[in-house]
Amino acid sequence: MKAKDLWPAIDPLGEALHFLRMSGSFYCRSEVTAPWSVALPALDDCLMFHVVTAGECWIAVPGVAPRLLRAGEFALVPHGQGHAFYSGPDVPTVALFDLPRQTVSERYEVLRHGGGGAPTSMVCGVVRFDHPAAERLVKLLPKLLCVDSASAGQHEWMQHSLRLMMSEARTLLPGGETIITRLADILVIQAIRNWMAQDPAAQTGWIGALQDKQIGRALALIHLDPARPWTVASLASEVAMSRSALSARFTARVGEPVMQYLARWRMHLALAQLKEDDAPLADLASRHGYESEAAFSRAFKRWVGTSPGAARQASRRAARA
């Protein structure tokens, strides 16, 4: 089947959201009582999410006004920025890693802390996204994203999801971490969809380009079939535009020329795959539209700044650390 047979059914923004699959997940169930205040450290290249399942608390992210979170609310701190939670003002803040925590598994712990007053329960997670589409999408999000599961009727399923997440967090039966991860996938995507529907900023830049009828389809074709020997002319033909119109509109909406975007996209994919598998470089070259390993290696070094072999070795060293 040719790409032009596929593109009428393509949902470019949906394809980008499809890649929001979490990896490197770590979870903490917090049972805190007023007065309390906890500071979370910055965690590079991570997204942090917080679900308040009982009680309430304040979240403070630098550069954003403090926000009161009540039971049933879901907060994202997309860029791994350090932030704090507290029961009320003027409570001395304690660093998270200075507090005793109960280790339940390699990826799960329980925190109990506070002065014995009004209780609050939360489930918090730290995750990362390895796919380039997910990484690019997350980078465009604001510093703090909040969703109230009770704010609209269509969010009733979110309340059920939050309750199920808390139930799994309390009992952590076999498979519980997997269930929490799957629920977190869904909740994070819903929070991002909610932001897209409400914030005018989501109509600009790369996300806005994905929602453009023709440019979005051009992007989706690149994402779905990066190895194809695309040219401006072939992409223009697929999306029913002239070459000059595609070039001008693509650059205006995405922020870089179409062929530059294609090359960058291929290299982002290659870098992610170098971290995940041991495929020979010749195979990676073929997957990403290069006729030889040498051509692939030259392009990779030009875009990434290091050779594919060096990037793979660095990834393995990081995994062992």
C-alpha atoms as a PDB file:
ATOM      1  CA  MET A   1       0.000   0.000   0.000  1.00  0.00           C
ATOM      2  CA  LYS A   2       1.349   3.405  -0.953  1.00  0.00           C
ATOM      3  CA  ALA A   3       1.676   6.293   1.487  1.00  0.00           C
ATOM      4  CA  LYS A   4      -0.975   8.275  -0.454  1.00  0.00           C
ATOM      5  CA  ASP A   5      -3.415   5.418   0.279  1.00  0.00           C
ATOM      6  CA  LEU A   6      -2.654   5.713   3.985  1.00  0.00           C
ATOM      7  CA  TRP A   7      -2.587   9.446   4.601  1.00  0.00           C
ATOM      8  CA  PRO A   8      -6.314  10.231   4.481  1.00  0.00           C
ATOM      9  CA  ALA A   9      -6.738   8.089   7.624  1.00  0.00           C
ATOM     10  CA  ILE A  10      -3.692   9.481   9.441  1.00  0.00           C
ATOM     11  CA  ASP A  11      -4.220  11.392  12.675  1.00  0.00           C
ATOM     12  CA  PRO A  12      -0.859  13.215  12.993  1.00  0.00           C
ATOM     13  CA  LEU A  13      -1.429  14.441  16.537  1.00  0.00           C
ATOM     14  CA  GLY A  14      -2.762  11.038  17.565  1.00  0.00           C
ATOM     15  CA  GLU A  15       0.370   9.427  16.141  1.00  0.00           C
ATOM     16  CA  ALA A  16       2.535  11.726  18.278  1.00  0.00           C
ATOM     17  CA  LEU A  17       0.507  10.894  21.408  1.00  0.00           C
ATOM     18  CA  HIS A  18       0.830   7.201  20.552  1.00  0.00           C
ATOM     19  CA  PHE A  19       4.559   7.445  21.245  1.00  0.00           C
ATOM     20  CA  LEU A  20       3.977   8.598  24.835  1.00  0.00           C
ATOM     21  CA  ARG A  21       5.040   5.264  26.288  1.00  0.00           C
ATOM     22  CA  MET A  22       6.787   5.616  29.607  1.00  0.00           C
ATOM     23  CA  SER A  23      10.095   4.005  30.509  1.00  0.00           C
ATOM     24  CA  GLY A  24      12.336   4.158  33.537  1.00  0.00           C
ATOM     25  CA  SER A  25       9.308   4.469  35.804  1.00  0.00           C
ATOM     26  CA  PHE A  26       9.666   4.932  39.576  1.00  0.00           C
ATOM     27  CA  TYR A  27       6.783   5.434  41.989  1.00  0.00           C
ATOM     28  CA  CYS A  28       6.243   6.668  45.521  1.00  0.00           C
ATOM     29  CA  ARG A  29       3.113   6.516  47.655  1.00  0.00           C
ATOM     30  CA  SER A  30       3.082   9.386  50.137  1.00  0.00           C
ATOM     31  CA  GLU A  31       1.055   9.441  53.342  1.00  0.00           C
ATOM     32  CA  VAL A  32       1.629  12.828  54.968  1.00  0.00           C
ATOM     33  CA  THR A  33      -0.011  14.757  57.803  1.00  0.00           C
ATOM     34  CA  ALA A  34      -0.058  18.503  58.463  1.00  0.00           C
ATOM     35  CA  PRO A  35       2.100  20.392  58.942  1.00  0.00           C
ATOM     36  CA  TRP A  36       4.488  19.095  56.290  1.00  0.00           C
ATOM     37  CA  SER A  37       6.560  20.287  53.360  1.00  0.00           C
ATOM     38  CA  VAL A  38       8.739  18.232  51.012  1.00  0.00           C
ATOM     39  CA  ALA A  39      11.107  19.424  48.277  1.00  0.00           C
ATOM     40  CA  LEU A  40      11.684  17.183  45.260  1.00  0.00           C
ATOM     41  CA  PRO A  41      15.008  17.450  43.403  1.00  0.00           C
ATOM     42  CA  ALA A  42      15.400  18.232  39.733  1.00  0.00           C
ATOM     43  CA  LEU A  43      15.619  15.105  37.577  1.00  0.00           C
ATOM     44  CA  ASP A  44      16.963  15.719  34.099  1.00  0.00           C
ATOM     45  CA  ASP A  45      15.028  14.375  31.102  1.00  0.00           C
ATOM     46  CA  CYS A  46      12.186  13.154  33.296  1.00  0.00           C
ATOM     47  CA  LEU A  47       8.504  13.910  33.654  1.00  0.00           C
ATOM     48  CA  MET A  48       7.045  13.830  37.153  1.00  0.00           C
ATOM     49  CA  PHE A  49       3.368  13.291  37.863  1.00  0.00           C
ATOM     50  CA  HIS A  50       1.404  13.517  41.104  1.00  0.00           C
ATOM     51  CA  VAL A  51      -2.058  12.200  41.919  1.00  0.00           C
ATOM     52  CA  VAL A  52      -3.771  13.481  45.081  1.00  0.00           C
ATOM     53  CA  THR A  53      -6.042  10.666  46.233  1.00  0.00           C
ATOM     54  CA  ALA A  54      -7.134  12.093  49.613  1.00  0.00           C
ATOM     55  CA  GLY A  55      -6.846  15.454  51.344  1.00  0.00           C
ATOM     56  CA  GLU A  56      -5.138  18.414  49.689  1.00  0.00           C
ATOM     57  CA  CYS A  57      -1.788  20.127  49.360  1.00  0.00           C
ATOM     58  CA  TRP A  58       0.010  22.939  47.568  1.00  0.00           C
ATOM     59  CA  ILE A  59       2.442  22.421  44.720  1.00  0.00           C
ATOM     60  CA  ALA A  60       5.091  25.064  44.015  1.00  0.00           C
ATOM     61  CA  VAL A  61       7.071  24.959  40.763  1.00  0.00           C
ATOM     62  CA  PRO A  62       9.617  27.761  40.179  1.00  0.00           C
ATOM     63  CA  GLY A  63       8.226  30.293  37.728  1.00  0.00           C
ATOM     64  CA  VAL A  64       4.605  29.248  38.323  1.00  0.00           C
ATOM     65  CA  ALA A  65       2.169  30.518  40.961  1.00  0.00           C
ATOM     66  CA  PRO A  66       1.598  27.917  43.745  1.00  0.00           C
ATOM     67  CA  ARG A  67      -1.424  25.742  43.042  1.00  0.00           C
ATOM     68  CA  LEU A  68      -3.729  24.029  45.531  1.00  0.00           C
ATOM     69  CA  LEU A  69      -4.319  20.396  44.586  1.00  0.00           C
ATOM     70  CA  ARG A  70      -7.356  18.620  45.995  1.00  0.00           C
ATOM     71  CA  ALA A  71      -8.336  14.963  45.977  1.00  0.00           C
ATOM     72  CA  GLY A  72      -8.959  13.808  42.424  1.00  0.00           C
ATOM     73  CA  GLU A  73      -6.520  16.242  40.834  1.00  0.00           C
ATOM     74  CA  PHE A  74      -3.597  15.220  38.697  1.00  0.00           C
ATOM     75  CA  ALA A  75      -0.468  17.347  38.206  1.00  0.00           C
ATOM     76  CA  LEU A  76       2.387  17.049  35.707  1.00  0.00           C
ATOM     77  CA  VAL A  77       5.809  18.653  36.028  1.00  0.00           C
ATOM     78  CA  PRO A  78       6.972  17.788  32.494  1.00  0.00           C
ATOM     79  CA  HIS A  79      10.567  19.034  32.452  1.00  0.00           C
ATOM     80  CA  GLY A  80      12.023  17.378  35.545  1.00  0.00           C
ATOM     81  CA  GLN A  81      12.186  20.705  37.365  1.00  0.00           C
ATOM     82  CA  GLY A  82      12.696  20.644  41.129  1.00  0.00           C
ATOM     83  CA  HIS A  83       9.542  21.594  43.024  1.00  0.00           C
ATOM     84  CA  ALA A  84       7.903  21.405  46.431  1.00  0.00           C
ATOM     85  CA  PHE A  85       4.712  20.256  48.121  1.00  0.00           C
ATOM     86  CA  TYR A  86       3.407  21.618  51.399  1.00  0.00           C
ATOM     87  CA  SER A  87       0.345  21.590  53.626  1.00  0.00           C
ATOM     88  CA  GLY A  88       0.426  25.336  54.237  1.00  0.00           C
ATOM     89  CA  PRO A  89       2.697  28.381  54.214  1.00  0.00           C
ATOM     90  CA  ASP A  90       5.695  28.848  56.501  1.00  0.00           C
ATOM     91  CA  VAL A  91       6.306  25.126  57.045  1.00  0.00           C
ATOM     92  CA  PRO A  92      10.047  24.286  56.963  1.00  0.00           C
ATOM     93  CA  THR A  93      10.832  22.320  53.827  1.00  0.00           C
ATOM     94  CA  VAL A  94      12.639  18.988  54.040  1.00  0.00           C
ATOM     95  CA  ALA A  95      14.455  17.488  51.043  1.00  0.00           C
ATOM     96  CA  LEU A  96      12.838  14.253  49.882  1.00  0.00           C
ATOM     97  CA  PHE A  97      16.046  12.262  50.060  1.00  0.00           C
ATOM     98  CA  ASP A  98      16.611  13.372  53.670  1.00  0.00           C
ATOM     99  CA  LEU A  99      13.396  11.632  54.765  1.00  0.00           C
ATOM    100  CA  PRO A 100      13.154   7.939  55.637  1.00  0.00           C
ATOM    101  CA  ARG A 101      11.300   5.922  53.008  1.00  0.00           C
ATOM    102  CA  GLN A 102      10.168   2.320  52.935  1.00  0.00           C
ATOM    103  CA  THR A 103      11.515   0.448  49.920  1.00  0.00           C
ATOM    104  CA  VAL A 104       8.884  -1.906  48.538  1.00  0.00           C
ATOM    105  CA  SER A 105      10.667  -2.861  45.310  1.00  0.00           C
ATOM    106  CA  GLU A 106      13.329  -1.542  42.950  1.00  0.00           C
ATOM    107  CA  ARG A 107      10.795   0.848  41.467  1.00  0.00           C
ATOM    108  CA  TYR A 108       8.481   1.585  44.367  1.00  0.00           C
ATOM    109  CA  GLU A 109       8.683   3.155  47.820  1.00  0.00           C
ATOM    110  CA  VAL A 110       6.420   4.551  50.534  1.00  0.00           C
ATOM    111  CA  LEU A 111       6.936   7.880  52.304  1.00  0.00           C
ATOM    112  CA  ARG A 112       5.303   8.690  55.646  1.00  0.00           C
ATOM    113  CA  HIS A 113       5.955  12.136  57.090  1.00  0.00           C
ATOM    114  CA  GLY A 114       4.368  15.035  58.950  1.00  0.00           C
ATOM    115  CA  GLY A 115       3.128  16.462  62.201  1.00  0.00           C
ATOM    116  CA  GLY A 116       0.063  14.312  62.839  1.00  0.00           C
ATOM    117  CA  GLY A 117      -2.633  16.727  61.625  1.00  0.00           C
ATOM    118  CA  ALA A 118      -4.876  16.612  58.558  1.00  0.00           C
ATOM    119  CA  PRO A 119      -3.857  13.716  56.284  1.00  0.00           C
ATOM    120  CA  THR A 120      -3.069  13.786  52.579  1.00  0.00           C
ATOM    121  CA  SER A 121      -2.355  10.798  50.341  1.00  0.00           C
ATOM    122  CA  MET A 122      -0.601  10.943  46.976  1.00  0.00           C
ATOM    123  CA  VAL A 123       0.850   8.708  44.313  1.00  0.00           C
ATOM    124  CA  CYS A 124       3.855  10.220  42.560  1.00  0.00           C
ATOM    125  CA  GLY A 125       5.817   8.941  39.603  1.00  0.00           C
ATOM    126  CA  VAL A 126       9.021   9.748  37.753  1.00  0.00           C
ATOM    127  CA  VAL A 127       9.127   8.604  34.133  1.00  0.00           C
ATOM    128  CA  ARG A 128      10.955   9.306  30.911  1.00  0.00           C
ATOM    129  CA  PHE A 129      10.043   8.999  27.254  1.00  0.00           C
ATOM    130  CA  ASP A 130      12.565   7.564  24.810  1.00  0.00           C
ATOM    131  CA  HIS A 131      10.826   8.104  21.478  1.00  0.00           C
ATOM    132  CA  PRO A 132      11.775  11.358  19.695  1.00  0.00           C
ATOM    133  CA  ALA A 133       8.126  12.306  19.066  1.00  0.00           C
ATOM    134  CA  ALA A 134       7.330  11.951  22.751  1.00  0.00           C
ATOM    135  CA  GLU A 135      10.432  13.872  23.796  1.00  0.00           C
ATOM    136  CA  ARG A 136       9.645  16.715  21.406  1.00  0.00           C
ATOM    137  CA  LEU A 137       6.024  16.872  22.538  1.00  0.00           C
ATOM    138  CA  VAL A 138       6.928  16.904  26.236  1.00  0.00           C
ATOM    139  CA  LYS A 139       9.476  19.695  25.723  1.00  0.00           C
ATOM    140  CA  LEU A 140       6.704  21.961  24.444  1.00  0.00           C
ATOM    141  CA  LEU A 141       4.521  21.575  27.528  1.00  0.00           C
ATOM    142  CA  PRO A 142       4.260  24.302  30.191  1.00  0.00           C
ATOM    143  CA  LYS A 143       6.123  23.996  33.499  1.00  0.00           C
ATOM    144  CA  LEU A 144       3.036  22.728  35.315  1.00  0.00           C
ATOM    145  CA  LEU A 145      -0.076  21.004  33.997  1.00  0.00           C
ATOM    146  CA  CYS A 146      -3.051  20.204  36.239  1.00  0.00           C
ATOM    147  CA  VAL A 147      -6.290  18.333  35.569  1.00  0.00           C
ATOM    148  CA  ASP A 148      -9.257  18.092  37.912  1.00  0.00           C
ATOM    149  CA  SER A 149     -10.903  14.722  37.314  1.00  0.00           C
ATOM    150  CA  ALA A 150     -14.220  16.036  38.659  1.00  0.00           C
ATOM    151  CA  SER A 151     -14.348  19.200  36.547  1.00  0.00           C
ATOM    152  CA  ALA A 152     -16.433  17.710  33.744  1.00  0.00           C
ATOM    153  CA  GLY A 153     -18.667  14.721  33.142  1.00  0.00           C
ATOM    154  CA  GLN A 154     -16.359  13.222  30.520  1.00  0.00           C
ATOM    155  CA  HIS A 155     -13.684  12.923  33.203  1.00  0.00           C
ATOM    156  CA  GLU A 156     -15.671  10.414  35.245  1.00  0.00           C
ATOM    157  CA  TRP A 157     -13.428   7.660  33.916  1.00  0.00           C
ATOM    158  CA  MET A 158     -10.452   9.600  35.311  1.00  0.00           C
ATOM    159  CA  GLN A 159     -11.900   9.383  38.797  1.00  0.00           C
ATOM    160  CA  HIS A 160     -12.226   5.624  38.402  1.00  0.00           C
ATOM    161  CA  SER A 161      -8.654   5.437  37.088  1.00  0.00           C
ATOM    162  CA  LEU A 162      -7.336   7.454  40.021  1.00  0.00           C
ATOM    163  CA  ARG A 163      -9.154   5.246  42.502  1.00  0.00           C
ATOM    164  CA  LEU A 164      -7.801   2.132  40.833  1.00  0.00           C
ATOM    165  CA  MET A 165      -4.288   3.587  40.874  1.00  0.00           C
ATOM    166  CA  MET A 166      -4.526   4.305  44.603  1.00  0.00           C
ATOM    167  CA  SER A 167      -5.931   0.848  45.297  1.00  0.00           C
ATOM    168  CA  GLU A 168      -3.035  -0.735  43.443  1.00  0.00           C
ATOM    169  CA  ALA A 169      -0.580   1.576  45.213  1.00  0.00           C
ATOM    170  CA  ARG A 170      -1.891   0.538  48.639  1.00  0.00           C
ATOM    171  CA  THR A 171      -1.844  -3.210  48.041  1.00  0.00           C
ATOM    172  CA  LEU A 172       0.782  -3.612  45.301  1.00  0.00           C
ATOM    173  CA  LEU A 173      -0.255  -7.125  44.394  1.00  0.00           C
ATOM    174  CA  PRO A 174       1.636  -9.000  41.644  1.00  0.00           C
ATOM    175  CA  GLY A 175       1.450  -6.888  38.502  1.00  0.00           C
ATOM    176  CA  GLY A 176       0.539  -3.759  40.475  1.00  0.00           C
ATOM    177  CA  GLU A 177       3.449  -1.694  39.166  1.00  0.00           C
ATOM    178  CA  THR A 178       2.467  -2.583  35.600  1.00  0.00           C
ATOM    179  CA  ILE A 179      -1.130  -1.520  36.205  1.00  0.00           C
ATOM    180  CA  ILE A 180       0.024   1.782  37.744  1.00  0.00           C
ATOM    181  CA  THR A 181       2.292   2.376  34.736  1.00  0.00           C
ATOM    182  CA  ARG A 182      -0.524   1.740  32.245  1.00  0.00           C
ATOM    183  CA  LEU A 183      -2.896   4.012  34.170  1.00  0.00           C
ATOM    184  CA  ALA A 184      -0.210   6.692  34.325  1.00  0.00           C
ATOM    185  CA  ASP A 185       0.228   6.437  30.529  1.00  0.00           C
ATOM    186  CA  ILE A 186      -3.471   7.181  30.072  1.00  0.00           C
ATOM    187  CA  LEU A 187      -3.619   9.965  32.646  1.00  0.00           C
ATOM    188  CA  VAL A 188      -0.573  11.746  31.245  1.00  0.00           C
ATOM    189  CA  ILE A 189      -2.008  11.624  27.729  1.00  0.00           C
ATOM    190  CA  GLN A 190      -5.334  12.966  28.988  1.00  0.00           C
ATOM    191  CA  ALA A 191      -3.598  15.819  30.799  1.00  0.00           C
ATOM    192  CA  ILE A 192      -1.774  16.744  27.598  1.00  0.00           C
ATOM    193  CA  ARG A 193      -4.974  16.504  25.545  1.00  0.00           C
ATOM    194  CA  ASN A 194      -6.706  18.726  28.084  1.00  0.00           C
ATOM    195  CA  TRP A 195      -3.928  21.307  27.733  1.00  0.00           C
ATOM    196  CA  MET A 196      -4.113  21.157  23.941  1.00  0.00           C
ATOM    197  CA  ALA A 197      -7.836  21.832  24.032  1.00  0.00           C
ATOM    198  CA  GLN A 198      -7.561  24.830  26.360  1.00  0.00           C
ATOM    199  CA  ASP A 199      -4.228  26.605  25.823  1.00  0.00           C
ATOM    200  CA  PRO A 200      -3.744  28.760  22.683  1.00  0.00           C
ATOM    201  CA  ALA A 201      -0.016  27.927  22.848  1.00  0.00           C
ATOM    202  CA  ALA A 202      -0.908  24.393  21.732  1.00  0.00           C
ATOM    203  CA  GLN A 203      -2.012  25.789  18.372  1.00  0.00           C
ATOM    204  CA  THR A 204       1.481  27.036  17.485  1.00  0.00           C
ATOM    205  CA  GLY A 205       4.890  25.515  16.764  1.00  0.00           C
ATOM    206  CA  TRP A 206       5.362  21.784  16.184  1.00  0.00           C
ATOM    207  CA  ILE A 207       2.099  20.843  17.905  1.00  0.00           C
ATOM    208  CA  GLY A 208       0.233  23.396  15.835  1.00  0.00           C
ATOM    209  CA  ALA A 209       1.922  22.034  12.704  1.00  0.00           C
ATOM    210  CA  LEU A 210       0.669  18.531  13.531  1.00  0.00           C
ATOM    211  CA  GLN A 211      -2.853  19.947  13.516  1.00  0.00           C
ATOM    212  CA  ASP A 212      -2.412  21.615  10.105  1.00  0.00           C
ATOM    213  CA  LYS A 213      -4.290  19.478   7.571  1.00  0.00           C
ATOM    214  CA  GLN A 214      -1.451  19.211   5.044  1.00  0.00           C
ATOM    215  CA  ILE A 215       1.701  19.939   7.055  1.00  0.00           C
ATOM    216  CA  GLY A 216       0.500  17.566   9.765  1.00  0.00           C
ATOM    217  CA  ARG A 217       0.123  14.823   7.188  1.00  0.00           C
ATOM    218  CA  ALA A 218       3.594  15.526   5.810  1.00  0.00           C
ATOM    219  CA  LEU A 219       5.007  15.210   9.323  1.00  0.00           C
ATOM    220  CA  ALA A 220       3.076  12.006   9.939  1.00  0.00           C
ATOM    221  CA  LEU A 221       4.377  10.466   6.700  1.00  0.00           C
ATOM    222  CA  ILE A 222       7.942  11.239   7.760  1.00  0.00           C
ATOM    223  CA  HIS A 223       7.287   9.791  11.210  1.00  0.00           C
ATOM    224  CA  LEU A 224       5.611   6.637   9.869  1.00  0.00           C
ATOM    225  CA  ASP A 225       8.103   5.906   7.073  1.00  0.00           C
ATOM    226  CA  PRO A 226      11.407   7.681   7.796  1.00  0.00           C
ATOM    227  CA  ALA A 227      13.446   5.293   5.636  1.00  0.00           C
ATOM    228  CA  ARG A 228      11.609   6.211   2.448  1.00  0.00           C
ATOM    229  CA  PRO A 229      13.774   8.353   0.116  1.00  0.00           C
ATOM    230  CA  TRP A 230      11.618  11.407   0.633  1.00  0.00           C
ATOM    231  CA  THR A 231      12.133  14.577  -1.354  1.00  0.00           C
ATOM    232  CA  VAL A 232      10.260  17.846  -1.155  1.00  0.00           C
ATOM    233  CA  ALA A 233       8.589  16.893  -4.419  1.00  0.00           C
ATOM    234  CA  SER A 234       7.446  13.446  -3.258  1.00  0.00           C
ATOM    235  CA  LEU A 235       6.065  14.784   0.014  1.00  0.00           C
ATOM    236  CA  ALA A 236       4.336  17.639  -1.769  1.00  0.00           C
ATOM    237  CA  SER A 237       2.690  15.148  -4.122  1.00  0.00           C
ATOM    238  CA  GLU A 238       1.451  13.042  -1.188  1.00  0.00           C
ATOM    239  CA  VAL A 239      -0.237  16.003   0.507  1.00  0.00           C
ATOM    240  CA  ALA A 240      -1.554  17.704  -2.657  1.00  0.00           C
ATOM    241  CA  MET A 241       0.668  20.791  -2.513  1.00  0.00           C
ATOM    242  CA  SER A 242       3.219  22.345  -4.816  1.00  0.00           C
ATOM    243  CA  ARG A 243       6.872  22.023  -3.828  1.00  0.00           C
ATOM    244  CA  SER A 244       7.208  25.742  -3.175  1.00  0.00           C
ATOM    245  CA  ALA A 245       4.014  25.898  -1.094  1.00  0.00           C
ATOM    246  CA  LEU A 246       5.037  22.895   1.008  1.00  0.00           C
ATOM    247  CA  SER A 247       8.542  24.267   1.563  1.00  0.00           C
ATOM    248  CA  ALA A 248       7.313  27.686   2.645  1.00  0.00           C
ATOM    249  CA  ARG A 249       4.469  26.464   4.850  1.00  0.00           C
ATOM    250  CA  PHE A 250       6.462  23.641   6.435  1.00  0.00           C
ATOM    251  CA  THR A 251       9.278  26.005   7.409  1.00  0.00           C
ATOM    252  CA  ALA A 252       6.825  28.589   8.758  1.00  0.00           C
ATOM    253  CA  ARG A 253       4.861  26.067  10.851  1.00  0.00           C
ATOM    254  CA  VAL A 254       7.641  23.706  12.004  1.00  0.00           C
ATOM    255  CA  GLY A 255      10.525  26.165  12.241  1.00  0.00           C
ATOM    256  CA  GLU A 256      12.965  24.421   9.890  1.00  0.00           C
ATOM    257  CA  PRO A 257      13.015  23.232   6.248  1.00  0.00           C
ATOM    258  CA  VAL A 258      11.395  19.898   5.491  1.00  0.00           C
ATOM    259  CA  MET A 259      14.583  18.032   4.485  1.00  0.00           C
ATOM    260  CA  GLN A 260      16.411  19.321   7.528  1.00  0.00           C
ATOM    261  CA  TYR A 261      13.560  18.055   9.692  1.00  0.00           C
ATOM    262  CA  LEU A 262      13.701  14.655   7.971  1.00  0.00           C
ATOM    263  CA  ALA A 263      17.446  14.313   8.589  1.00  0.00           C
ATOM    264  CA  ARG A 264      17.108  15.392  12.210  1.00  0.00           C
ATOM    265  CA  TRP A 265      14.188  13.001  12.754  1.00  0.00           C
ATOM    266  CA  ARG A 266      16.116  10.056  11.346  1.00  0.00           C
ATOM    267  CA  MET A 267      19.040  10.755  13.627  1.00  0.00           C
ATOM    268  CA  HIS A 268      16.830  11.101  16.706  1.00  0.00           C
ATOM    269  CA  LEU A 269      15.300   7.719  15.911  1.00  0.00           C
ATOM    270  CA  ALA A 270      18.709   6.181  15.306  1.00  0.00           C
ATOM    271  CA  LEU A 271      20.013   7.515  18.613  1.00  0.00           C
ATOM    272  CA  ALA A 272      17.035   6.038  20.473  1.00  0.00           C
ATOM    273  CA  GLN A 273      17.525   2.674  18.767  1.00  0.00           C
ATOM    274  CA  LEU A 274      21.258   2.641  19.481  1.00  0.00           C
ATOM    275  CA  LYS A 275      20.343   2.789  23.162  1.00  0.00           C
ATOM    276  CA  GLU A 276      17.791  -0.019  22.897  1.00  0.00           C
ATOM    277  CA  ASP A 277      19.326  -2.780  20.781  1.00  0.00           C
ATOM    278  CA  ASP A 278      22.566  -4.209  19.436  1.00  0.00           C
ATOM    279  CA  ALA A 279      21.644  -4.158  15.761  1.00  0.00           C
ATOM    280  CA  PRO A 280      24.632  -3.738  13.429  1.00  0.00           C
ATOM    281  CA  LEU A 281      25.168  -0.207  12.198  1.00  0.00           C
ATOM    282  CA  ALA A 282      24.514  -1.354   8.640  1.00  0.00           C
ATOM    283  CA  ASP A 283      21.023  -2.431   9.685  1.00  0.00           C
ATOM    284  CA  LEU A 284      20.398   0.910  11.371  1.00  0.00           C
ATOM    285  CA  ALA A 285      21.587   2.689   8.243  1.00  0.00           C
ATOM    286  CA  SER A 286      19.099   0.763   6.115  1.00  0.00           C
ATOM    287  CA  ARG A 287      16.242   1.395   8.587  1.00  0.00           C
ATOM    288  CA  HIS A 288      16.760   5.131   8.303  1.00  0.00           C
ATOM    289  CA  GLY A 289      17.107   5.526   4.574  1.00  0.00           C
ATOM    290  CA  TYR A 290      20.891   5.423   4.094  1.00  0.00           C
ATOM    291  CA  GLU A 291      22.462   3.212   1.435  1.00  0.00           C
ATOM    292  CA  SER A 292      25.676   2.577   3.350  1.00  0.00           C
ATOM    293  CA  GLU A 293      26.963   2.444   6.917  1.00  0.00           C
ATOM    294  CA  ALA A 294      29.534   5.119   6.047  1.00  0.00           C
ATOM    295  CA  ALA A 295      26.872   7.572   4.838  1.00  0.00           C
ATOM    296  CA  PHE A 296      24.799   6.896   7.941  1.00  0.00           C
ATOM    297  CA  SER A 297      27.797   7.394  10.251  1.00  0.00           C
ATOM    298  CA  ARG A 298      28.691  10.700   8.601  1.00  0.00           C
ATOM    299  CA  ALA A 299      25.133  11.993   8.923  1.00  0.00           C
ATOM    300  CA  PHE A 300      24.871  10.793  12.505  1.00  0.00           C
ATOM    301  CA  LYS A 301      28.085  12.536  13.560  1.00  0.00           C
ATOM    302  CA  ARG A 302      27.025  15.739  11.781  1.00  0.00           C
ATOM    303  CA  TRP A 303      23.688  15.861  13.638  1.00  0.00           C
ATOM    304  CA  VAL A 304      24.503  14.270  16.991  1.00  0.00           C
ATOM    305  CA  GLY A 305      28.121  15.349  17.385  1.00  0.00           C
ATOM    306  CA  THR A 306      29.581  11.877  17.937  1.00  0.00           C
ATOM    307  CA  SER A 307      29.841   8.608  16.033  1.00  0.00           C
ATOM    308  CA  PRO A 308      27.134   5.919  16.322  1.00  0.00           C
ATOM    309  CA  GLY A 309      29.584   3.547  17.998  1.00  0.00           C
ATOM    310  CA  ALA A 310      30.587   6.138  20.587  1.00  0.00           C
ATOM    311  CA  ALA A 311      26.935   6.949  21.275  1.00  0.00           C
ATOM    312  CA  ARG A 312      26.158   3.251  21.833  1.00  0.00           C
ATOM    313  CA  GLN A 313      29.120   2.834  24.203  1.00  0.00           C
ATOM    314  CA  ALA A 314      28.112   5.929  26.171  1.00  0.00           C
ATOM    315  CA  SER A 315      24.604   4.557  26.523  1.00  0.00           C
ATOM    316  CA  ARG A 316      25.904   1.247  27.835  1.00  0.00           C
ATOM    317  CA  ARG A 317      28.158   2.989  30.355  1.00  0.00           C
ATOM    318  CA  ALA A 318      25.201   5.061  31.571  1.00  0.00           C
ATOM    319  CA  ALA A 319      23.061   1.930  31.934  1.00  0.00           C
ATOM    320  CA  ARG A 320      25.743   0.257  34.076  1.00  0.00           C
ATOM    321  CA  ALA A 321      26.209   3.319  36.302  1.00  0.00           C
END
